[in-house]
Amino acid sequence: MKQGRIKESQQKAPEREASPVVEENIKPRFEFIFKKKNYMWMIIGLVVIITGFALMSGGGSDNPEVFNEAIFSWRRIRLAPTLVLLGFGIEMYAILLNPDK
């Protein structure tokens, strides 16, 4: 049989020298997303939200036949919802706050 040219896929690749394997003791660095300042603002926001909901509660009547005007007081209609919205705003600020700056 006549031997022809060797196909490119059958040719041996030039051998490379093995590079030394360097093992480093790299431990993954675990870091919290939020810092102490973020958590402080989150707690403040949560307290403001809870205060708003507490101010919204009550004012009901024991007798369903009697209408109680206290359910439409300024505290329940204006102050409490404003505190709840303010608390949610503080929570957004706490999440977006970059404590490193």
PDB file of N, CA and C in Angstrom:
ATOM      1  N   MET A   1       0.818  -1.163   0.000  1.00  0.00           N
ATOM      2  CA  MET A   1       0.000   0.000   0.000  1.00  0.00           C
ATOM      3  C   MET A   1       0.867   1.232   0.000  1.00  0.00           C
ATOM      4  N   LYS A   2       0.353   2.139  -0.616  1.00  0.00           N
ATOM      5  CA  LYS A   2       1.084   3.365  -0.763  1.00  0.00           C
ATOM      6  C   LYS A   2       0.712   4.316   0.376  1.00  0.00           C
ATOM      7  N   GLN A   3       1.726   4.773   1.039  1.00  0.00           N
ATOM      8  CA  GLN A   3       1.462   5.718   2.122  1.00  0.00           C
ATOM      9  C   GLN A   3       1.483   7.116   1.548  1.00  0.00           C
ATOM     10  N   GLY A   4       0.438   7.826   1.825  1.00  0.00           N
ATOM     11  CA  GLY A   4       0.323   9.179   1.309  1.00  0.00           C
ATOM     12  C   GLY A   4       0.640  10.192   2.403  1.00  0.00           C
ATOM     13  N   ARG A   5       0.163  11.275   2.186  1.00  0.00           N
ATOM     14  CA  ARG A   5       0.386  12.342   3.149  1.00  0.00           C
ATOM     15  C   ARG A   5      -0.442  12.097   4.412  1.00  0.00           C
ATOM     16  N   ILE A   6       0.070  12.531   5.518  1.00  0.00           N
ATOM     17  CA  ILE A   6      -0.648  12.388   6.772  1.00  0.00           C
ATOM     18  C   ILE A   6      -1.637  13.543   6.869  1.00  0.00           C
ATOM     19  N   LYS A   7      -2.846  13.185   7.206  1.00  0.00           N
ATOM     20  CA  LYS A   7      -3.866  14.217   7.351  1.00  0.00           C
ATOM     21  C   LYS A   7      -3.526  15.095   8.557  1.00  0.00           C
ATOM     22  N   GLU A   8      -3.981  16.304   8.464  1.00  0.00           N
ATOM     23  CA  GLU A   8      -3.674  17.259   9.524  1.00  0.00           C
ATOM     24  C   GLU A   8      -4.234  16.806  10.860  1.00  0.00           C
ATOM     25  N   SER A   9      -5.380  16.141  10.843  1.00  0.00           N
ATOM     26  CA  SER A   9      -5.991  15.728  12.097  1.00  0.00           C
ATOM     27  C   SER A   9      -5.224  14.583  12.744  1.00  0.00           C
ATOM     28  N   GLN A  10      -4.410  13.865  11.980  1.00  0.00           N
ATOM     29  CA  GLN A  10      -3.662  12.745  12.522  1.00  0.00           C
ATOM     30  C   GLN A  10      -2.271  13.156  12.995  1.00  0.00           C
ATOM     31  N   GLN A  11      -1.852  14.345  12.691  1.00  0.00           N
ATOM     32  CA  GLN A  11      -0.532  14.787  13.114  1.00  0.00           C
ATOM     33  C   GLN A  11      -0.544  15.051  14.614  1.00  0.00           C
ATOM     34  N   LYS A  12       0.602  14.770  15.229  1.00  0.00           N
ATOM     35  CA  LYS A  12       0.721  15.018  16.657  1.00  0.00           C
ATOM     36  C   LYS A  12       0.977  16.496  16.888  1.00  0.00           C
ATOM     37  N   ALA A  13       0.300  17.005  17.936  1.00  0.00           N
ATOM     38  CA  ALA A  13       0.522  18.393  18.323  1.00  0.00           C
ATOM     39  C   ALA A  13       1.846  18.469  19.078  1.00  0.00           C
ATOM     40  N   PRO A  14       2.556  19.572  18.923  1.00  0.00           N
ATOM     41  CA  PRO A  14       3.803  19.692  19.668  1.00  0.00           C
ATOM     42  C   PRO A  14       3.521  19.678  21.168  1.00  0.00           C
ATOM     43  N   GLU A  15       4.337  18.944  21.873  1.00  0.00           N
ATOM     44  CA  GLU A  15       4.122  18.819  23.318  1.00  0.00           C
ATOM     45  C   GLU A  15       4.599  20.069  24.028  1.00  0.00           C
ATOM     46  N   ARG A  16       3.813  20.485  24.975  1.00  0.00           N
ATOM     47  CA  ARG A  16       4.160  21.656  25.757  1.00  0.00           C
ATOM     48  C   ARG A  16       4.686  21.208  27.106  1.00  0.00           C
ATOM     49  N   GLU A  17       5.492  22.063  27.665  1.00  0.00           N
ATOM     50  CA  GLU A  17       5.984  21.753  28.990  1.00  0.00           C
ATOM     51  C   GLU A  17       4.866  21.986  29.995  1.00  0.00           C
ATOM     52  N   ALA A  18       4.776  21.108  30.951  1.00  0.00           N
ATOM     53  CA  ALA A  18       3.743  21.248  31.968  1.00  0.00           C
ATOM     54  C   ALA A  18       4.080  22.413  32.886  1.00  0.00           C
ATOM     55  N   SER A  19       3.114  23.280  33.056  1.00  0.00           N
ATOM     56  CA  SER A  19       3.354  24.419  33.949  1.00  0.00           C
ATOM     57  C   SER A  19       3.085  23.969  35.385  1.00  0.00           C
ATOM     58  N   PRO A  20       3.866  24.468  36.306  1.00  0.00           N
ATOM     59  CA  PRO A  20       3.662  24.057  37.695  1.00  0.00           C
ATOM     60  C   PRO A  20       2.310  24.572  38.213  1.00  0.00           C
ATOM     61  N   VAL A  21       1.635  23.716  38.926  1.00  0.00           N
ATOM     62  CA  VAL A  21       0.333  24.072  39.479  1.00  0.00           C
ATOM     63  C   VAL A  21       0.560  24.806  40.799  1.00  0.00           C
ATOM     64  N   VAL A  22       0.023  25.999  40.855  1.00  0.00           N
ATOM     65  CA  VAL A  22       0.170  26.801  42.059  1.00  0.00           C
ATOM     66  C   VAL A  22      -1.149  26.759  42.812  1.00  0.00           C
ATOM     67  N   GLU A  23      -1.101  26.214  44.005  1.00  0.00           N
ATOM     68  CA  GLU A  23      -2.299  26.161  44.830  1.00  0.00           C
ATOM     69  C   GLU A  23      -2.243  27.297  45.831  1.00  0.00           C
ATOM     70  N   GLU A  24      -3.247  28.109  45.773  1.00  0.00           N
ATOM     71  CA  GLU A  24      -3.323  29.215  46.704  1.00  0.00           C
ATOM     72  C   GLU A  24      -4.454  28.949  47.683  1.00  0.00           C
ATOM     73  N   ASN A  25      -4.233  29.349  48.872  1.00  0.00           N
ATOM     74  CA  ASN A  25      -5.276  29.195  49.881  1.00  0.00           C
ATOM     75  C   ASN A  25      -6.194  30.413  49.832  1.00  0.00           C
ATOM     76  N   ILE A  26      -7.074  30.400  48.871  1.00  0.00           N
ATOM     77  CA  ILE A  26      -8.007  31.500  48.698  1.00  0.00           C
ATOM     78  C   ILE A  26      -9.327  31.094  49.327  1.00  0.00           C
ATOM     79  N   LYS A  27      -9.721  31.831  50.327  1.00  0.00           N
ATOM     80  CA  LYS A  27     -10.999  31.578  50.966  1.00  0.00           C
ATOM     81  C   LYS A  27     -11.998  32.590  50.432  1.00  0.00           C
ATOM     82  N   PRO A  28     -13.215  32.155  50.144  1.00  0.00           N
ATOM     83  CA  PRO A  28     -14.201  33.119  49.661  1.00  0.00           C
ATOM     84  C   PRO A  28     -14.500  34.142  50.756  1.00  0.00           C
ATOM     85  N   ARG A  29     -14.564  35.367  50.369  1.00  0.00           N
ATOM     86  CA  ARG A  29     -14.799  36.450  51.315  1.00  0.00           C
ATOM     87  C   ARG A  29     -16.302  36.681  51.431  1.00  0.00           C
ATOM     88  N   PHE A  30     -16.836  36.458  52.617  1.00  0.00           N
ATOM     89  CA  PHE A  30     -18.264  36.626  52.859  1.00  0.00           C
ATOM     90  C   PHE A  30     -18.498  38.008  53.427  1.00  0.00           C
ATOM     91  N   GLU A  31     -19.329  38.767  52.748  1.00  0.00           N
ATOM     92  CA  GLU A  31     -19.587  40.126  53.181  1.00  0.00           C
ATOM     93  C   GLU A  31     -21.075  40.408  53.060  1.00  0.00           C
ATOM     94  N   PHE A  32     -21.636  41.019  54.089  1.00  0.00           N
ATOM     95  CA  PHE A  32     -23.049  41.370  54.050  1.00  0.00           C
ATOM     96  C   PHE A  32     -23.276  42.526  53.078  1.00  0.00           C
ATOM     97  N   ILE A  33     -24.451  42.544  52.498  1.00  0.00           N
ATOM     98  CA  ILE A  33     -24.790  43.618  51.574  1.00  0.00           C
ATOM     99  C   ILE A  33     -25.012  44.919  52.344  1.00  0.00           C
ATOM    100  N   PHE A  34     -25.704  44.800  53.483  1.00  0.00           N
ATOM    101  CA  PHE A  34     -26.018  45.978  54.276  1.00  0.00           C
ATOM    102  C   PHE A  34     -25.054  46.096  55.445  1.00  0.00           C
ATOM    103  N   LYS A  35     -24.797  47.306  55.825  1.00  0.00           N
ATOM    104  CA  LYS A  35     -23.936  47.594  56.972  1.00  0.00           C
ATOM    105  C   LYS A  35     -24.799  48.037  58.149  1.00  0.00           C
ATOM    106  N   LYS A  36     -24.143  48.397  59.240  1.00  0.00           N
ATOM    107  CA  LYS A  36     -24.843  48.784  60.462  1.00  0.00           C
ATOM    108  C   LYS A  36     -25.747  50.001  60.234  1.00  0.00           C
ATOM    109  N   LYS A  37     -25.264  50.939  59.442  1.00  0.00           N
ATOM    110  CA  LYS A  37     -26.040  52.152  59.172  1.00  0.00           C
ATOM    111  C   LYS A  37     -27.343  51.821  58.430  1.00  0.00           C
ATOM    112  N   ASN A  38     -27.284  50.865  57.481  1.00  0.00           N
ATOM    113  CA  ASN A  38     -28.486  50.453  56.757  1.00  0.00           C
ATOM    114  C   ASN A  38     -29.512  49.840  57.711  1.00  0.00           C
ATOM    115  N   TYR A  39     -29.030  48.952  58.576  1.00  0.00           N
ATOM    116  CA  TYR A  39     -29.948  48.302  59.512  1.00  0.00           C
ATOM    117  C   TYR A  39     -30.551  49.299  60.495  1.00  0.00           C
ATOM    118  N   MET A  40     -29.791  50.305  60.897  1.00  0.00           N
ATOM    119  CA  MET A  40     -30.308  51.325  61.797  1.00  0.00           C
ATOM    120  C   MET A  40     -31.472  52.060  61.131  1.00  0.00           C
ATOM    121  N   TRP A  41     -31.299  52.463  59.872  1.00  0.00           N
ATOM    122  CA  TRP A  41     -32.378  53.157  59.156  1.00  0.00           C
ATOM    123  C   TRP A  41     -33.571  52.232  58.912  1.00  0.00           C
ATOM    124  N   MET A  42     -33.312  50.938  58.678  1.00  0.00           N
ATOM    125  CA  MET A  42     -34.417  49.993  58.492  1.00  0.00           C
ATOM    126  C   MET A  42     -35.256  49.868  59.762  1.00  0.00           C
ATOM    127  N   ILE A  43     -34.591  49.823  60.902  1.00  0.00           N
ATOM    128  CA  ILE A  43     -35.319  49.717  62.165  1.00  0.00           C
ATOM    129  C   ILE A  43     -36.127  50.994  62.416  1.00  0.00           C
ATOM    130  N   ILE A  44     -35.544  52.149  62.121  1.00  0.00           N
ATOM    131  CA  ILE A  44     -36.273  53.417  62.282  1.00  0.00           C
ATOM    132  C   ILE A  44     -37.506  53.423  61.383  1.00  0.00           C
ATOM    133  N   GLY A  45     -37.352  53.002  60.137  1.00  0.00           N
ATOM    134  CA  GLY A  45     -38.492  52.947  59.215  1.00  0.00           C
ATOM    135  C   GLY A  45     -39.562  51.987  59.691  1.00  0.00           C
ATOM    136  N   LEU A  46     -39.151  50.845  60.215  1.00  0.00           N
ATOM    137  CA  LEU A  46     -40.119  49.867  60.722  1.00  0.00           C
ATOM    138  C   LEU A  46     -40.889  50.417  61.920  1.00  0.00           C
ATOM    139  N   VAL A  47     -40.200  51.122  62.803  1.00  0.00           N
ATOM    140  CA  VAL A  47     -40.878  51.733  63.961  1.00  0.00           C
ATOM    141  C   VAL A  47     -41.893  52.788  63.494  1.00  0.00           C
ATOM    142  N   VAL A  48     -41.534  53.578  62.487  1.00  0.00           N
ATOM    143  CA  VAL A  48     -42.462  54.603  61.967  1.00  0.00           C
ATOM    144  C   VAL A  48     -43.687  53.931  61.331  1.00  0.00           C
ATOM    145  N   ILE A  49     -43.488  52.850  60.590  1.00  0.00           N
ATOM    146  CA  ILE A  49     -44.611  52.130  59.969  1.00  0.00           C
ATOM    147  C   ILE A  49     -45.531  51.542  61.040  1.00  0.00           C
ATOM    148  N   ILE A  50     -44.946  50.901  62.042  1.00  0.00           N
ATOM    149  CA  ILE A  50     -45.756  50.310  63.119  1.00  0.00           C
ATOM    150  C   ILE A  50     -46.522  51.392  63.877  1.00  0.00           C
ATOM    151  N   THR A  51     -45.885  52.532  64.112  1.00  0.00           N
ATOM    152  CA  THR A  51     -46.570  53.645  64.778  1.00  0.00           C
ATOM    153  C   THR A  51     -47.759  54.125  63.940  1.00  0.00           C
ATOM    154  N   GLY A  52     -47.579  54.223  62.640  1.00  0.00           N
ATOM    155  CA  GLY A  52     -48.670  54.637  61.757  1.00  0.00           C
ATOM    156  C   GLY A  52     -49.837  53.673  61.797  1.00  0.00           C
ATOM    157  N   PHE A  53     -49.557  52.370  61.776  1.00  0.00           N
ATOM    158  CA  PHE A  53     -50.645  51.394  61.842  1.00  0.00           C
ATOM    159  C   PHE A  53     -51.314  51.394  63.213  1.00  0.00           C
ATOM    160  N   ALA A  54     -50.544  51.637  64.266  1.00  0.00           N
ATOM    161  CA  ALA A  54     -51.134  51.701  65.603  1.00  0.00           C
ATOM    162  C   ALA A  54     -52.070  52.907  65.721  1.00  0.00           C
ATOM    163  N   LEU A  55     -51.681  54.035  65.124  1.00  0.00           N
ATOM    164  CA  LEU A  55     -52.548  55.213  65.159  1.00  0.00           C
ATOM    165  C   LEU A  55     -53.807  55.020  64.314  1.00  0.00           C
ATOM    166  N   MET A  56     -53.740  54.151  63.321  1.00  0.00           N
ATOM    167  CA  MET A  56     -54.894  53.892  62.462  1.00  0.00           C
ATOM    168  C   MET A  56     -55.929  52.994  63.135  1.00  0.00           C
ATOM    169  N   SER A  57     -55.514  52.236  64.104  1.00  0.00           N
ATOM    170  CA  SER A  57     -56.410  51.254  64.712  1.00  0.00           C
ATOM    171  C   SER A  57     -57.377  51.925  65.682  1.00  0.00           C
ATOM    172  N   GLY A  58     -58.390  51.178  66.059  1.00  0.00           N
ATOM    173  CA  GLY A  58     -59.361  51.662  67.044  1.00  0.00           C
ATOM    174  C   GLY A  58     -60.443  52.504  66.419  1.00  0.00           C
ATOM    175  N   GLY A  59     -61.254  53.091  67.286  1.00  0.00           N
ATOM    176  CA  GLY A  59     -62.317  53.970  66.827  1.00  0.00           C
ATOM    177  C   GLY A  59     -63.597  53.256  66.463  1.00  0.00           C
ATOM    178  N   GLY A  60     -63.605  51.953  66.639  1.00  0.00           N
ATOM    179  CA  GLY A  60     -64.819  51.210  66.310  1.00  0.00           C
ATOM    180  C   GLY A  60     -65.838  51.322  67.436  1.00  0.00           C
ATOM    181  N   SER A  61     -67.035  50.904  67.155  1.00  0.00           N
ATOM    182  CA  SER A  61     -68.120  50.966  68.130  1.00  0.00           C
ATOM    183  C   SER A  61     -68.513  49.555  68.526  1.00  0.00           C
ATOM    184  N   ASP A  62     -68.874  49.380  69.787  1.00  0.00           N
ATOM    185  CA  ASP A  62     -69.327  48.055  70.241  1.00  0.00           C
ATOM    186  C   ASP A  62     -70.703  47.726  69.689  1.00  0.00           C
ATOM    187  N   ASN A  63     -71.514  48.732  69.503  1.00  0.00           N
ATOM    188  CA  ASN A  63     -72.861  48.553  68.990  1.00  0.00           C
ATOM    189  C   ASN A  63     -72.877  48.960  67.519  1.00  0.00           C
ATOM    190  N   PRO A  64     -73.210  48.060  66.598  1.00  0.00           N
ATOM    191  CA  PRO A  64     -73.216  48.415  65.180  1.00  0.00           C
ATOM    192  C   PRO A  64     -74.316  49.415  64.807  1.00  0.00           C
ATOM    193  N   GLU A  65     -75.249  49.646  65.683  1.00  0.00           N
ATOM    194  CA  GLU A  65     -76.332  50.597  65.425  1.00  0.00           C
ATOM    195  C   GLU A  65     -75.888  52.040  65.646  1.00  0.00           C
ATOM    196  N   VAL A  66     -74.779  52.220  66.378  1.00  0.00           N
ATOM    197  CA  VAL A  66     -74.323  53.559  66.739  1.00  0.00           C
ATOM    198  C   VAL A  66     -73.137  53.937  65.857  1.00  0.00           C
ATOM    199  N   PHE A  67     -73.222  55.117  65.239  1.00  0.00           N
ATOM    200  CA  PHE A  67     -72.126  55.599  64.393  1.00  0.00           C
ATOM    201  C   PHE A  67     -71.157  56.391  65.256  1.00  0.00           C
ATOM    202  N   ASN A  68     -69.882  56.093  65.123  1.00  0.00           N
ATOM    203  CA  ASN A  68     -68.862  56.763  65.912  1.00  0.00           C
ATOM    204  C   ASN A  68     -68.065  57.681  64.994  1.00  0.00           C
ATOM    205  N   GLU A  69     -68.081  58.970  65.251  1.00  0.00           N
ATOM    206  CA  GLU A  69     -67.348  59.948  64.440  1.00  0.00           C
ATOM    207  C   GLU A  69     -65.830  59.808  64.559  1.00  0.00           C
ATOM    208  N   ALA A  70     -65.354  59.077  65.545  1.00  0.00           N
ATOM    209  CA  ALA A  70     -63.909  58.950  65.780  1.00  0.00           C
ATOM    210  C   ALA A  70     -63.189  58.224  64.642  1.00  0.00           C
ATOM    211  N   ILE A  71     -63.923  57.471  63.840  1.00  0.00           N
ATOM    212  CA  ILE A  71     -63.248  56.772  62.734  1.00  0.00           C
ATOM    213  C   ILE A  71     -62.774  57.733  61.655  1.00  0.00           C
ATOM    214  N   PHE A  72     -63.340  58.940  61.639  1.00  0.00           N
ATOM    215  CA  PHE A  72     -62.923  59.940  60.664  1.00  0.00           C
ATOM    216  C   PHE A  72     -62.085  61.053  61.295  1.00  0.00           C
ATOM    217  N   SER A  73     -61.405  60.753  62.367  1.00  0.00           N
ATOM    218  CA  SER A  73     -60.599  61.775  63.039  1.00  0.00           C
ATOM    219  C   SER A  73     -59.362  62.106  62.199  1.00  0.00           C
ATOM    220  N   TRP A  74     -58.789  63.264  62.480  1.00  0.00           N
ATOM    221  CA  TRP A  74     -57.590  63.713  61.762  1.00  0.00           C
ATOM    222  C   TRP A  74     -56.442  62.723  61.933  1.00  0.00           C
ATOM    223  N   ARG A  75     -56.367  62.133  63.105  1.00  0.00           N
ATOM    224  CA  ARG A  75     -55.300  61.174  63.398  1.00  0.00           C
ATOM    225  C   ARG A  75     -55.374  59.954  62.483  1.00  0.00           C
ATOM    226  N   ARG A  76     -56.576  59.443  62.241  1.00  0.00           N
ATOM    227  CA  ARG A  76     -56.730  58.225  61.426  1.00  0.00           C
ATOM    228  C   ARG A  76     -56.727  58.510  59.923  1.00  0.00           C
ATOM    229  N   ILE A  77     -57.183  59.676  59.532  1.00  0.00           N
ATOM    230  CA  ILE A  77     -57.306  59.991  58.112  1.00  0.00           C
ATOM    231  C   ILE A  77     -56.046  60.637  57.547  1.00  0.00           C
ATOM    232  N   ARG A  78     -55.373  61.458  58.307  1.00  0.00           N
ATOM    233  CA  ARG A  78     -54.215  62.207  57.800  1.00  0.00           C
ATOM    234  C   ARG A  78     -52.882  61.739  58.386  1.00  0.00           C
ATOM    235  N   LEU A  79     -52.807  61.713  59.697  1.00  0.00           N
ATOM    236  CA  LEU A  79     -51.526  61.457  60.358  1.00  0.00           C
ATOM    237  C   LEU A  79     -51.030  60.016  60.157  1.00  0.00           C
ATOM    238  N   ALA A  80     -51.875  59.042  60.423  1.00  0.00           N
ATOM    239  CA  ALA A  80     -51.456  57.639  60.359  1.00  0.00           C
ATOM    240  C   ALA A  80     -51.013  57.221  58.952  1.00  0.00           C
ATOM    241  N   PRO A  81     -51.795  57.488  57.891  1.00  0.00           N
ATOM    242  CA  PRO A  81     -51.314  57.111  56.551  1.00  0.00           C
ATOM    243  C   PRO A  81     -50.039  57.847  56.151  1.00  0.00           C
ATOM    244  N   THR A  82     -49.899  59.094  56.596  1.00  0.00           N
ATOM    245  CA  THR A  82     -48.673  59.837  56.296  1.00  0.00           C
ATOM    246  C   THR A  82     -47.474  59.184  56.962  1.00  0.00           C
ATOM    247  N   LEU A  83     -47.645  58.742  58.202  1.00  0.00           N
ATOM    248  CA  LEU A  83     -46.542  58.059  58.893  1.00  0.00           C
ATOM    249  C   LEU A  83     -46.187  56.736  58.210  1.00  0.00           C
ATOM    250  N   VAL A  84     -47.192  56.003  57.751  1.00  0.00           N
ATOM    251  CA  VAL A  84     -46.923  54.732  57.063  1.00  0.00           C
ATOM    252  C   VAL A  84     -46.139  54.982  55.771  1.00  0.00           C
ATOM    253  N   LEU A  85     -46.583  55.953  54.987  1.00  0.00           N
ATOM    254  CA  LEU A  85     -45.868  56.266  53.742  1.00  0.00           C
ATOM    255  C   LEU A  85     -44.465  56.787  54.024  1.00  0.00           C
ATOM    256  N   LEU A  86     -44.319  57.600  55.052  1.00  0.00           N
ATOM    257  CA  LEU A  86     -43.000  58.087  55.445  1.00  0.00           C
ATOM    258  C   LEU A  86     -42.096  56.921  55.864  1.00  0.00           C
ATOM    259  N   GLY A  87     -42.664  55.963  56.580  1.00  0.00           N
ATOM    260  CA  GLY A  87     -41.899  54.781  56.991  1.00  0.00           C
ATOM    261  C   GLY A  87     -41.420  53.966  55.796  1.00  0.00           C
ATOM    262  N   PHE A  88     -42.287  53.805  54.787  1.00  0.00           N
ATOM    263  CA  PHE A  88     -41.868  53.085  53.580  1.00  0.00           C
ATOM    264  C   PHE A  88     -40.801  53.862  52.821  1.00  0.00           C
ATOM    265  N   GLY A  89     -40.886  55.176  52.836  1.00  0.00           N
ATOM    266  CA  GLY A  89     -39.834  55.996  52.224  1.00  0.00           C
ATOM    267  C   GLY A  89     -38.502  55.823  52.940  1.00  0.00           C
ATOM    268  N   ILE A  90     -38.551  55.758  54.260  1.00  0.00           N
ATOM    269  CA  ILE A  90     -37.321  55.531  55.030  1.00  0.00           C
ATOM    270  C   ILE A  90     -36.744  54.155  54.710  1.00  0.00           C
ATOM    271  N   GLU A  91     -37.605  53.170  54.544  1.00  0.00           N
ATOM    272  CA  GLU A  91     -37.137  51.815  54.188  1.00  0.00           C
ATOM    273  C   GLU A  91     -36.443  51.816  52.824  1.00  0.00           C
ATOM    274  N   MET A  92     -37.005  52.532  51.859  1.00  0.00           N
ATOM    275  CA  MET A  92     -36.355  52.610  50.543  1.00  0.00           C
ATOM    276  C   MET A  92     -34.998  53.299  50.653  1.00  0.00           C
ATOM    277  N   TYR A  93     -34.944  54.351  51.456  1.00  0.00           N
ATOM    278  CA  TYR A  93     -33.672  55.042  51.673  1.00  0.00           C
ATOM    279  C   TYR A  93     -32.652  54.095  52.308  1.00  0.00           C
ATOM    280  N   ALA A  94     -33.095  53.292  53.281  1.00  0.00           N
ATOM    281  CA  ALA A  94     -32.190  52.363  53.959  1.00  0.00           C
ATOM    282  C   ALA A  94     -31.649  51.311  53.004  1.00  0.00           C
ATOM    283  N   ILE A  95     -32.464  50.876  52.062  1.00  0.00           N
ATOM    284  CA  ILE A  95     -32.017  49.864  51.098  1.00  0.00           C
ATOM    285  C   ILE A  95     -31.030  50.463  50.107  1.00  0.00           C
ATOM    286  N   LEU A  96     -31.296  51.678  49.654  1.00  0.00           N
ATOM    287  CA  LEU A  96     -30.452  52.300  48.632  1.00  0.00           C
ATOM    288  C   LEU A  96     -29.223  53.005  49.205  1.00  0.00           C
ATOM    289  N   LEU A  97     -29.156  53.155  50.514  1.00  0.00           N
ATOM    290  CA  LEU A  97     -28.048  53.861  51.155  1.00  0.00           C
ATOM    291  C   LEU A  97     -26.739  53.104  50.972  1.00  0.00           C
ATOM    292  N   ASN A  98     -25.704  53.823  50.555  1.00  0.00           N
ATOM    293  CA  ASN A  98     -24.376  53.232  50.444  1.00  0.00           C
ATOM    294  C   ASN A  98     -23.562  53.695  51.656  1.00  0.00           C
ATOM    295  N   PRO A  99     -23.355  52.816  52.637  1.00  0.00           N
ATOM    296  CA  PRO A  99     -22.702  53.252  53.871  1.00  0.00           C
ATOM    297  C   PRO A  99     -21.208  53.508  53.712  1.00  0.00           C
ATOM    298  N   ASP A 100     -20.629  53.100  52.619  1.00  0.00           N
ATOM    299  CA  ASP A 100     -19.191  53.290  52.411  1.00  0.00           C
ATOM    300  C   ASP A 100     -18.852  54.720  52.020  1.00  0.00           C
ATOM    301  N   LYS A 101     -19.823  55.492  51.612  1.00  0.00           N
ATOM    302  CA  LYS A 101     -19.563  56.875  51.198  1.00  0.00           C
ATOM    303  C   LYS A 101     -19.724  57.808  52.357  1.00  0.00           C
TER     304      LYS A 101
END
